[in-house]
Amino acid sequence: MYKLKEKYTISVFTEDVVGILNRVTIIFTRRKINIESIAAGESELDGIYRYTIVITECEENVIKIIKQLEKQVEVIKAVYHLDNDVVFQEIALYKVKTSVLASGGKAENIVRAHNARVLTVETAFTVLEKTGHKEETQSLFEELKPFGILEFVRSGRVAITKPMKTLASIVEAMEKETESQDNISNLFNLK
């Protein structure tokens, strides 16, 4: 039976430990799952980092990945969401010749139509920024390509969940669960 593959955003919250990103990505590699994008950075809590990983896979395999991720000692929590459960963006930077934009022609109109932002203007080149979904940043790339793109880079997806469960509330619940388990263990050790 064929299982439906969908795009999932996986958020992995970890301690700040050298080598954890490598261990996280190996879990996907071993399962032969391609990571479409990955973004890493600090979370809202001190000392906790967030990896936002995008994959296209069936939910059954995503659940297995989440369980495998949470077996890592330094992983605090891993969660997954479909696209309609998250608000997400990517950022793209484009380096084009300044002369192409300075002429005030079609290239300038394309940049304006896409609401791209000018970050820097040098004599030889101009750097533009566009945020949006991958399709939006790719569309600007395709339209600017005939004018000559000197350099192009796109970040991985960054995402925030729509459900109102915060990382702080997840950590607090985990601490309470650990406390309860410790209390139960202490009860049995009193014999």
N, C-alpha and C. Protein backbone atom coordinates (compact mmCIF):
# COMPACT_ATOMS: atom_id res chain seq x y z
N MET A 1 0.84 -1.19 0.00
CA MET A 1 0.00 0.00 0.00
C MET A 1 0.88 1.25 0.00
N TYR A 2 0.56 2.20 -0.85
CA TYR A 2 1.32 3.45 -0.97
C TYR A 2 0.92 4.40 0.15
N LYS A 3 1.89 4.96 0.81
CA LYS A 3 1.62 5.91 1.89
C LYS A 3 1.85 7.32 1.37
N LEU A 4 0.91 8.20 1.66
CA LEU A 4 0.95 9.58 1.19
C LEU A 4 2.10 10.34 1.82
N LYS A 5 2.93 10.93 0.98
CA LYS A 5 4.03 11.76 1.48
C LYS A 5 3.58 13.21 1.45
N GLU A 6 3.86 13.90 2.55
CA GLU A 6 3.52 15.32 2.67
C GLU A 6 4.74 16.07 3.18
N LYS A 7 4.69 17.39 3.06
CA LYS A 7 5.78 18.23 3.56
C LYS A 7 5.57 18.47 5.06
N TYR A 8 6.61 18.19 5.84
CA TYR A 8 6.57 18.37 7.29
C TYR A 8 7.69 19.32 7.72
N THR A 9 7.37 20.13 8.71
CA THR A 9 8.37 20.95 9.38
C THR A 9 8.61 20.33 10.74
N ILE A 10 9.86 19.94 10.97
CA ILE A 10 10.24 19.32 12.24
C ILE A 10 11.05 20.34 13.03
N SER A 11 10.67 20.57 14.27
CA SER A 11 11.43 21.44 15.16
C SER A 11 12.09 20.58 16.21
N VAL A 12 13.41 20.73 16.32
CA VAL A 12 14.19 19.95 17.28
C VAL A 12 14.83 20.94 18.24
N PHE A 13 14.51 20.83 19.53
CA PHE A 13 15.06 21.71 20.55
C PHE A 13 16.15 20.95 21.29
N THR A 14 17.36 21.54 21.33
CA THR A 14 18.50 20.84 21.91
C THR A 14 19.27 21.74 22.86
N GLU A 15 20.12 21.08 23.65
CA GLU A 15 21.11 21.82 24.43
C GLU A 15 22.19 22.28 23.45
N ASP A 16 23.00 23.22 23.86
CA ASP A 16 24.09 23.73 23.02
C ASP A 16 25.31 22.83 23.22
N VAL A 17 25.42 21.80 22.37
CA VAL A 17 26.47 20.82 22.50
C VAL A 17 27.14 20.63 21.14
N VAL A 18 28.46 20.58 21.14
CA VAL A 18 29.21 20.35 19.90
C VAL A 18 28.84 18.98 19.34
N GLY A 19 28.55 18.93 18.05
CA GLY A 19 28.28 17.67 17.37
C GLY A 19 26.83 17.23 17.32
N ILE A 20 25.94 17.95 18.00
CA ILE A 20 24.54 17.52 18.03
C ILE A 20 23.89 17.65 16.66
N LEU A 21 24.22 18.67 15.89
CA LEU A 21 23.63 18.81 14.55
C LEU A 21 24.01 17.61 13.68
N ASN A 22 25.25 17.16 13.78
CA ASN A 22 25.69 15.99 13.03
C ASN A 22 24.87 14.76 13.43
N ARG A 23 24.67 14.56 14.72
CA ARG A 23 23.91 13.40 15.18
C ARG A 23 22.44 13.48 14.74
N VAL A 24 21.91 14.69 14.70
CA VAL A 24 20.52 14.88 14.26
C VAL A 24 20.40 14.52 12.77
N THR A 25 21.30 15.02 11.95
CA THR A 25 21.20 14.77 10.51
C THR A 25 21.47 13.31 10.16
N ILE A 26 22.29 12.63 10.93
CA ILE A 26 22.57 11.22 10.68
C ILE A 26 21.29 10.38 10.79
N ILE A 27 20.40 10.78 11.69
CA ILE A 27 19.13 10.05 11.84
C ILE A 27 18.35 10.05 10.54
N PHE A 28 18.37 11.15 9.83
CA PHE A 28 17.67 11.24 8.53
C PHE A 28 18.43 10.45 7.47
N THR A 29 19.75 10.56 7.48
CA THR A 29 20.58 9.87 6.50
C THR A 29 20.40 8.36 6.60
N ARG A 30 20.42 7.83 7.80
CA ARG A 30 20.26 6.38 7.99
C ARG A 30 18.93 5.88 7.46
N ARG A 31 17.91 6.72 7.51
CA ARG A 31 16.59 6.33 7.01
C ARG A 31 16.40 6.71 5.54
N LYS A 32 17.47 7.22 4.92
CA LYS A 32 17.46 7.63 3.51
C LYS A 32 16.37 8.68 3.23
N ILE A 33 16.27 9.64 4.16
CA ILE A 33 15.31 10.73 4.02
C ILE A 33 16.07 12.00 3.72
N ASN A 34 15.71 12.65 2.63
CA ASN A 34 16.38 13.87 2.21
C ASN A 34 15.88 15.07 3.02
N ILE A 35 16.80 15.84 3.56
CA ILE A 35 16.45 17.09 4.24
C ILE A 35 16.38 18.18 3.17
N GLU A 36 15.21 18.77 2.99
CA GLU A 36 15.02 19.81 1.98
C GLU A 36 15.60 21.14 2.42
N SER A 37 15.48 21.44 3.71
CA SER A 37 16.10 22.64 4.25
C SER A 37 16.29 22.46 5.75
N ILE A 38 17.29 23.17 6.26
CA ILE A 38 17.57 23.12 7.69
C ILE A 38 18.05 24.50 8.12
N ALA A 39 17.52 24.97 9.22
CA ALA A 39 17.94 26.25 9.79
C ALA A 39 18.17 26.02 11.28
N ALA A 40 19.22 26.62 11.79
CA ALA A 40 19.56 26.43 13.20
C ALA A 40 19.76 27.78 13.85
N GLY A 41 19.38 27.88 15.10
CA GLY A 41 19.58 29.12 15.83
C GLY A 41 19.08 29.01 17.25
N GLU A 42 19.29 30.08 18.00
CA GLU A 42 18.85 30.12 19.39
C GLU A 42 17.33 30.16 19.46
N SER A 43 16.80 29.62 20.55
CA SER A 43 15.36 29.69 20.78
C SER A 43 15.08 30.82 21.77
N GLU A 44 13.85 30.91 22.23
CA GLU A 44 13.48 31.96 23.18
C GLU A 44 14.01 31.68 24.59
N LEU A 45 14.50 30.47 24.84
CA LEU A 45 15.05 30.12 26.15
C LEU A 45 16.57 30.06 26.08
N ASP A 46 17.23 30.66 27.06
CA ASP A 46 18.70 30.67 27.11
C ASP A 46 19.25 29.25 27.09
N GLY A 47 20.26 29.03 26.25
CA GLY A 47 20.95 27.74 26.21
C GLY A 47 20.24 26.65 25.43
N ILE A 48 19.09 26.96 24.87
CA ILE A 48 18.34 25.97 24.08
C ILE A 48 18.31 26.44 22.62
N TYR A 49 18.69 25.53 21.74
CA TYR A 49 18.76 25.84 20.32
C TYR A 49 17.67 25.08 19.58
N ARG A 50 17.28 25.66 18.44
CA ARG A 50 16.19 25.09 17.65
C ARG A 50 16.70 24.81 16.25
N TYR A 51 16.46 23.59 15.79
CA TYR A 51 16.73 23.23 14.40
C TYR A 51 15.38 23.09 13.72
N THR A 52 15.19 23.78 12.63
CA THR A 52 13.97 23.67 11.85
C THR A 52 14.32 22.91 10.58
N ILE A 53 13.73 21.74 10.44
CA ILE A 53 14.07 20.83 9.35
C ILE A 53 12.82 20.57 8.52
N VAL A 54 12.97 20.64 7.20
CA VAL A 54 11.84 20.40 6.30
C VAL A 54 12.11 19.12 5.50
N ILE A 55 11.14 18.23 5.51
CA ILE A 55 11.24 16.99 4.74
C ILE A 55 9.89 16.71 4.08
N THR A 56 9.90 15.87 3.06
CA THR A 56 8.67 15.35 2.47
C THR A 56 8.69 13.86 2.70
N GLU A 57 7.72 13.39 3.49
CA GLU A 57 7.73 11.98 3.91
C GLU A 57 6.33 11.61 4.38
N CYS A 58 6.09 10.31 4.59
CA CYS A 58 4.81 9.87 5.14
C CYS A 58 4.85 10.04 6.66
N GLU A 59 3.69 10.25 7.25
CA GLU A 59 3.62 10.55 8.68
C GLU A 59 4.21 9.43 9.54
N GLU A 60 4.01 8.21 9.14
CA GLU A 60 4.54 7.07 9.90
C GLU A 60 6.06 7.19 10.06
N ASN A 61 6.76 7.54 9.00
CA ASN A 61 8.22 7.70 9.07
C ASN A 61 8.62 8.93 9.88
N VAL A 62 7.82 9.99 9.79
CA VAL A 62 8.10 11.20 10.57
C VAL A 62 8.00 10.89 12.06
N ILE A 63 7.01 10.13 12.45
CA ILE A 63 6.86 9.75 13.87
C ILE A 63 8.06 8.95 14.34
N LYS A 64 8.53 8.03 13.50
CA LYS A 64 9.73 7.23 13.85
C LYS A 64 10.95 8.14 14.03
N ILE A 65 11.08 9.12 13.16
CA ILE A 65 12.21 10.07 13.24
C ILE A 65 12.13 10.85 14.55
N ILE A 66 10.95 11.34 14.89
CA ILE A 66 10.76 12.10 16.13
C ILE A 66 11.18 11.26 17.33
N LYS A 67 10.74 10.01 17.36
CA LYS A 67 11.10 9.12 18.48
C LYS A 67 12.61 8.90 18.54
N GLN A 68 13.23 8.73 17.37
CA GLN A 68 14.68 8.52 17.32
C GLN A 68 15.41 9.79 17.78
N LEU A 69 14.94 10.95 17.36
CA LEU A 69 15.55 12.21 17.77
C LEU A 69 15.49 12.38 19.28
N GLU A 70 14.35 12.05 19.87
CA GLU A 70 14.17 12.25 21.30
C GLU A 70 14.98 11.27 22.15
N LYS A 71 15.55 10.25 21.52
CA LYS A 71 16.44 9.33 22.24
C LYS A 71 17.82 9.94 22.46
N GLN A 72 18.14 10.99 21.69
CA GLN A 72 19.41 11.67 21.87
C GLN A 72 19.38 12.41 23.21
N VAL A 73 20.39 12.24 24.01
CA VAL A 73 20.42 12.80 25.36
C VAL A 73 20.23 14.32 25.34
N GLU A 74 20.87 15.00 24.42
CA GLU A 74 20.84 16.47 24.40
C GLU A 74 19.59 17.05 23.73
N VAL A 75 18.75 16.20 23.16
CA VAL A 75 17.51 16.68 22.54
C VAL A 75 16.46 16.82 23.63
N ILE A 76 15.95 18.02 23.78
CA ILE A 76 14.95 18.30 24.80
C ILE A 76 13.57 17.88 24.31
N LYS A 77 13.27 18.23 23.06
CA LYS A 77 11.96 17.91 22.49
C LYS A 77 12.06 17.99 20.97
N ALA A 78 11.31 17.14 20.29
CA ALA A 78 11.19 17.20 18.84
C ALA A 78 9.70 17.12 18.51
N VAL A 79 9.25 17.97 17.62
CA VAL A 79 7.84 18.01 17.21
C VAL A 79 7.76 18.17 15.70
N TYR A 80 6.63 17.77 15.13
CA TYR A 80 6.44 17.94 13.69
C TYR A 80 5.09 18.56 13.40
N HIS A 81 5.04 19.27 12.28
CA HIS A 81 3.80 19.93 11.86
C HIS A 81 3.69 19.92 10.34
N LEU A 82 2.46 19.93 9.87
CA LEU A 82 2.21 20.15 8.45
C LEU A 82 2.28 21.64 8.17
N ASP A 83 2.39 22.01 6.90
CA ASP A 83 2.53 23.43 6.53
C ASP A 83 1.41 24.31 7.06
N ASN A 84 0.17 23.80 7.11
CA ASN A 84 -0.94 24.65 7.56
C ASN A 84 -0.94 24.88 9.07
N ASP A 85 -0.03 24.20 9.80
CA ASP A 85 0.07 24.39 11.25
C ASP A 85 1.20 25.32 11.66
N VAL A 86 1.93 25.86 10.67
CA VAL A 86 3.06 26.74 10.97
C VAL A 86 3.02 27.99 10.09
N VAL A 87 3.62 29.04 10.62
CA VAL A 87 3.87 30.25 9.84
C VAL A 87 5.35 30.19 9.52
N PHE A 88 5.71 30.25 8.24
CA PHE A 88 7.10 30.06 7.87
C PHE A 88 7.53 31.03 6.77
N GLN A 89 8.84 31.26 6.74
CA GLN A 89 9.45 32.14 5.75
C GLN A 89 10.86 31.65 5.46
N GLU A 90 11.39 32.10 4.35
CA GLU A 90 12.80 31.92 4.01
C GLU A 90 13.31 33.29 3.61
N ILE A 91 14.62 33.45 3.63
CA ILE A 91 15.22 34.69 3.17
C ILE A 91 16.18 34.35 2.04
N ALA A 92 16.19 35.18 1.02
CA ALA A 92 17.10 34.99 -0.10
C ALA A 92 17.85 36.29 -0.36
N LEU A 93 19.12 36.15 -0.69
CA LEU A 93 19.95 37.30 -1.07
C LEU A 93 20.40 37.13 -2.51
N TYR A 94 20.35 38.22 -3.27
CA TYR A 94 20.70 38.22 -4.68
C TYR A 94 21.76 39.30 -4.90
N LYS A 95 22.83 38.95 -5.56
CA LYS A 95 23.84 39.95 -5.93
C LYS A 95 23.75 40.13 -7.44
N VAL A 96 23.45 41.36 -7.86
CA VAL A 96 23.35 41.68 -9.28
C VAL A 96 24.22 42.90 -9.59
N LYS A 97 24.55 43.08 -10.85
CA LYS A 97 25.35 44.25 -11.23
C LYS A 97 24.53 45.51 -10.97
N THR A 98 25.16 46.49 -10.39
CA THR A 98 24.50 47.75 -10.10
C THR A 98 24.01 48.42 -11.38
N SER A 99 24.78 48.30 -12.43
CA SER A 99 24.41 48.92 -13.72
C SER A 99 23.08 48.39 -14.25
N VAL A 100 22.75 47.14 -13.97
CA VAL A 100 21.49 46.56 -14.42
C VAL A 100 20.30 47.25 -13.75
N LEU A 101 20.45 47.56 -12.46
CA LEU A 101 19.36 48.21 -11.73
C LEU A 101 19.34 49.72 -11.92
N ALA A 102 20.52 50.31 -12.07
CA ALA A 102 20.63 51.77 -12.18
C ALA A 102 20.01 52.32 -13.45
N SER A 103 19.89 51.49 -14.45
CA SER A 103 19.33 51.97 -15.72
C SER A 103 17.84 52.24 -15.62
N GLY A 104 17.21 51.79 -14.53
CA GLY A 104 15.79 52.09 -14.32
C GLY A 104 14.86 51.34 -15.24
N GLY A 105 15.31 50.25 -15.80
CA GLY A 105 14.49 49.50 -16.75
C GLY A 105 13.71 48.36 -16.12
N LYS A 106 13.62 47.29 -16.90
CA LYS A 106 12.81 46.14 -16.53
C LYS A 106 13.28 45.48 -15.22
N ALA A 107 14.58 45.38 -15.02
CA ALA A 107 15.10 44.73 -13.81
C ALA A 107 14.64 45.46 -12.55
N GLU A 108 14.67 46.77 -12.59
CA GLU A 108 14.21 47.55 -11.44
C GLU A 108 12.72 47.31 -11.19
N ASN A 109 11.94 47.23 -12.25
CA ASN A 109 10.50 46.97 -12.11
C ASN A 109 10.24 45.60 -11.50
N ILE A 110 11.06 44.61 -11.87
CA ILE A 110 10.92 43.26 -11.31
C ILE A 110 11.19 43.30 -9.81
N VAL A 111 12.25 43.98 -9.42
CA VAL A 111 12.62 44.08 -8.00
C VAL A 111 11.49 44.75 -7.22
N ARG A 112 10.94 45.82 -7.77
CA ARG A 112 9.83 46.53 -7.10
C ARG A 112 8.58 45.65 -7.02
N ALA A 113 8.28 44.94 -8.09
CA ALA A 113 7.08 44.09 -8.12
C ALA A 113 7.15 42.98 -7.07
N HIS A 114 8.36 42.53 -6.77
CA HIS A 114 8.55 41.46 -5.79
C HIS A 114 8.77 42.00 -4.37
N ASN A 115 8.72 43.30 -4.21
CA ASN A 115 8.94 43.93 -2.90
C ASN A 115 10.27 43.51 -2.28
N ALA A 116 11.29 43.39 -3.12
CA ALA A 116 12.62 43.05 -2.62
C ALA A 116 13.24 44.31 -2.02
N ARG A 117 14.11 44.10 -1.07
CA ARG A 117 14.74 45.21 -0.36
C ARG A 117 16.19 45.32 -0.79
N VAL A 118 16.65 46.55 -0.97
CA VAL A 118 18.05 46.79 -1.31
C VAL A 118 18.84 46.85 0.00
N LEU A 119 19.83 45.95 0.14
CA LEU A 119 20.64 45.93 1.36
C LEU A 119 21.89 46.78 1.23
N THR A 120 22.52 46.73 0.08
CA THR A 120 23.73 47.52 -0.14
C THR A 120 23.90 47.80 -1.62
N VAL A 121 24.43 48.99 -1.91
CA VAL A 121 24.73 49.36 -3.29
C VAL A 121 26.20 49.72 -3.35
N GLU A 122 26.94 48.95 -4.13
CA GLU A 122 28.36 49.21 -4.38
C GLU A 122 28.50 49.61 -5.85
N THR A 123 29.65 50.04 -6.22
CA THR A 123 29.88 50.44 -7.61
C THR A 123 29.62 49.28 -8.57
N ALA A 124 30.13 48.11 -8.23
CA ALA A 124 30.05 46.96 -9.13
C ALA A 124 28.80 46.11 -8.94
N PHE A 125 28.24 46.10 -7.74
CA PHE A 125 27.11 45.21 -7.49
C PHE A 125 26.16 45.79 -6.46
N THR A 126 24.94 45.23 -6.47
CA THR A 126 23.90 45.57 -5.50
C THR A 126 23.40 44.27 -4.90
N VAL A 127 23.19 44.27 -3.58
CA VAL A 127 22.65 43.09 -2.91
C VAL A 127 21.19 43.36 -2.55
N LEU A 128 20.34 42.43 -2.97
CA LEU A 128 18.91 42.52 -2.72
C LEU A 128 18.49 41.43 -1.73
N GLU A 129 17.43 41.69 -0.99
CA GLU A 129 16.89 40.71 -0.05
C GLU A 129 15.41 40.50 -0.34
N LYS A 130 15.00 39.25 -0.32
CA LYS A 130 13.58 38.91 -0.49
C LYS A 130 13.23 37.86 0.55
N THR A 131 12.20 38.11 1.34
CA THR A 131 11.70 37.10 2.26
C THR A 131 10.37 36.59 1.74
N GLY A 132 10.08 35.36 2.07
CA GLY A 132 8.83 34.76 1.62
C GLY A 132 8.95 33.25 1.58
N HIS A 133 7.99 32.63 0.95
CA HIS A 133 8.06 31.19 0.76
C HIS A 133 9.04 30.89 -0.36
N LYS A 134 9.49 29.67 -0.43
CA LYS A 134 10.50 29.28 -1.43
C LYS A 134 10.04 29.64 -2.85
N GLU A 135 8.77 29.45 -3.13
CA GLU A 135 8.24 29.75 -4.46
C GLU A 135 8.41 31.23 -4.80
N GLU A 136 8.25 32.10 -3.80
CA GLU A 136 8.39 33.54 -4.02
C GLU A 136 9.84 33.94 -4.28
N THR A 137 10.74 33.39 -3.47
CA THR A 137 12.16 33.75 -3.66
C THR A 137 12.69 33.15 -4.95
N GLN A 138 12.19 31.98 -5.32
CA GLN A 138 12.60 31.34 -6.57
C GLN A 138 12.07 32.12 -7.77
N SER A 139 10.86 32.63 -7.66
CA SER A 139 10.27 33.41 -8.75
C SER A 139 11.11 34.65 -9.07
N LEU A 140 11.54 35.36 -8.02
CA LEU A 140 12.40 36.53 -8.23
C LEU A 140 13.72 36.10 -8.87
N PHE A 141 14.27 35.00 -8.42
CA PHE A 141 15.52 34.48 -9.00
C PHE A 141 15.34 34.24 -10.51
N GLU A 142 14.26 33.56 -10.87
CA GLU A 142 14.01 33.23 -12.28
C GLU A 142 13.84 34.50 -13.13
N GLU A 143 13.18 35.50 -12.58
CA GLU A 143 12.96 36.73 -13.35
C GLU A 143 14.22 37.58 -13.48
N LEU A 144 15.11 37.50 -12.48
CA LEU A 144 16.37 38.26 -12.54
C LEU A 144 17.47 37.54 -13.32
N LYS A 145 17.33 36.23 -13.49
CA LYS A 145 18.36 35.42 -14.14
C LYS A 145 18.79 35.97 -15.50
N PRO A 146 17.88 36.38 -16.36
CA PRO A 146 18.31 36.90 -17.67
C PRO A 146 19.19 38.16 -17.58
N PHE A 147 19.14 38.88 -16.46
CA PHE A 147 19.93 40.09 -16.28
C PHE A 147 21.31 39.79 -15.67
N GLY A 148 21.50 38.55 -15.27
CA GLY A 148 22.78 38.12 -14.71
C GLY A 148 22.82 38.23 -13.20
N ILE A 149 22.73 37.11 -12.55
CA ILE A 149 22.85 37.07 -11.09
C ILE A 149 24.29 36.67 -10.78
N LEU A 150 24.99 37.52 -10.05
CA LEU A 150 26.38 37.25 -9.71
C LEU A 150 26.49 36.22 -8.59
N GLU A 151 25.54 36.30 -7.66
CA GLU A 151 25.54 35.38 -6.53
C GLU A 151 24.11 35.26 -6.00
N PHE A 152 23.79 34.08 -5.45
CA PHE A 152 22.45 33.85 -4.91
C PHE A 152 22.57 32.89 -3.73
N VAL A 153 21.84 33.15 -2.65
CA VAL A 153 21.78 32.25 -1.51
C VAL A 153 20.39 32.34 -0.89
N ARG A 154 19.91 31.17 -0.45
CA ARG A 154 18.60 31.13 0.20
C ARG A 154 18.76 30.38 1.51
N SER A 155 18.15 30.88 2.57
CA SER A 155 18.23 30.22 3.87
C SER A 155 17.30 29.02 3.88
N GLY A 156 17.39 28.26 4.93
CA GLY A 156 16.39 27.23 5.17
C GLY A 156 15.15 27.88 5.75
N ARG A 157 14.12 27.11 5.88
CA ARG A 157 12.86 27.60 6.44
C ARG A 157 13.02 27.90 7.92
N VAL A 158 12.46 29.01 8.35
CA VAL A 158 12.27 29.27 9.76
C VAL A 158 10.76 29.29 9.98
N ALA A 159 10.34 28.70 11.10
CA ALA A 159 8.90 28.52 11.29
C ALA A 159 8.52 28.68 12.75
N ILE A 160 7.31 29.14 12.95
CA ILE A 160 6.69 29.24 14.27
C ILE A 160 5.35 28.53 14.17
N THR A 161 5.02 27.74 15.19
CA THR A 161 3.78 26.99 15.15
C THR A 161 2.58 27.89 15.44
N LYS A 162 1.46 27.55 14.86
CA LYS A 162 0.22 28.27 15.13
C LYS A 162 -0.39 27.85 16.47
N PRO A 163 -0.36 26.54 16.81
CA PRO A 163 -0.92 26.16 18.13
C PRO A 163 -0.18 26.91 19.24
N MET A 164 -0.87 27.20 20.32
CA MET A 164 -0.35 28.06 21.37
C MET A 164 0.50 27.34 22.41
N LYS A 165 1.14 26.25 22.09
CA LYS A 165 2.00 25.55 23.04
C LYS A 165 3.42 26.10 22.87
N THR A 166 3.95 26.73 23.91
CA THR A 166 5.26 27.35 23.84
C THR A 166 6.34 26.38 24.30
N LEU A 167 7.57 26.67 23.91
CA LEU A 167 8.70 25.85 24.35
C LEU A 167 8.81 25.88 25.88
N ALA A 168 8.60 27.02 26.46
CA ALA A 168 8.68 27.15 27.92
C ALA A 168 7.66 26.22 28.59
N SER A 169 6.45 26.12 28.05
CA SER A 169 5.43 25.25 28.65
C SER A 169 5.80 23.77 28.46
N ILE A 170 6.43 23.44 27.34
CA ILE A 170 6.88 22.06 27.10
C ILE A 170 7.95 21.69 28.11
N VAL A 171 8.93 22.57 28.30
CA VAL A 171 10.02 22.32 29.25
C VAL A 171 9.47 22.19 30.66
N GLU A 172 8.53 23.07 31.03
CA GLU A 172 7.93 23.03 32.36
C GLU A 172 7.20 21.71 32.59
N ALA A 173 6.45 21.24 31.61
CA ALA A 173 5.74 19.97 31.72
C ALA A 173 6.72 18.81 31.85
N MET A 174 7.82 18.87 31.11
CA MET A 174 8.83 17.82 31.19
C MET A 174 9.48 17.79 32.57
N GLU A 175 9.73 18.98 33.14
CA GLU A 175 10.32 19.05 34.48
C GLU A 175 9.38 18.47 35.53
N LYS A 176 8.08 18.76 35.41
CA LYS A 176 7.09 18.22 36.34
C LYS A 176 7.02 16.70 36.22
N GLU A 177 7.09 16.19 34.98
CA GLU A 177 7.05 14.74 34.76
C GLU A 177 8.27 14.08 35.40
N THR A 178 9.43 14.69 35.24
CA THR A 178 10.66 14.16 35.84
C THR A 178 10.56 14.16 37.36
N GLU A 179 10.02 15.25 37.92
CA GLU A 179 9.82 15.35 39.38
C GLU A 179 8.92 14.23 39.87
N SER A 180 7.82 13.98 39.16
CA SER A 180 6.88 12.92 39.54
C SER A 180 7.55 11.56 39.50
N GLN A 181 8.33 11.32 38.45
CA GLN A 181 9.04 10.04 38.33
C GLN A 181 10.06 9.89 39.45
N ASP A 182 10.74 10.98 39.82
CA ASP A 182 11.70 10.94 40.92
C ASP A 182 11.00 10.63 42.24
N ASN A 183 9.83 11.24 42.45
CA ASN A 183 9.07 10.99 43.68
C ASN A 183 8.63 9.54 43.77
N ILE A 184 8.20 8.96 42.66
CA ILE A 184 7.79 7.56 42.63
C ILE A 184 8.99 6.67 42.91
N SER A 185 10.12 6.97 42.29
CA SER A 185 11.34 6.19 42.52
C SER A 185 11.75 6.25 43.98
N ASN A 186 11.67 7.43 44.58
CA ASN A 186 12.04 7.59 46.01
C ASN A 186 11.11 6.78 46.90
N LEU A 187 9.83 6.71 46.54
CA LEU A 187 8.87 5.94 47.32
C LEU A 187 9.26 4.47 47.36
N PHE A 188 9.66 3.92 46.22
CA PHE A 188 10.02 2.51 46.15
C PHE A 188 11.38 2.24 46.79
N ASN A 189 12.23 3.23 46.88
CA ASN A 189 13.55 3.05 47.49
C ASN A 189 13.50 3.12 49.01
N LEU A 190 12.37 3.49 49.58
CA LEU A 190 12.25 3.64 51.03
C LEU A 190 12.04 2.31 51.75
N LYS A 191 11.84 1.25 51.04
CA LYS A 191 11.56 -0.06 51.65
C LYS A 191 12.59 -0.47 52.64
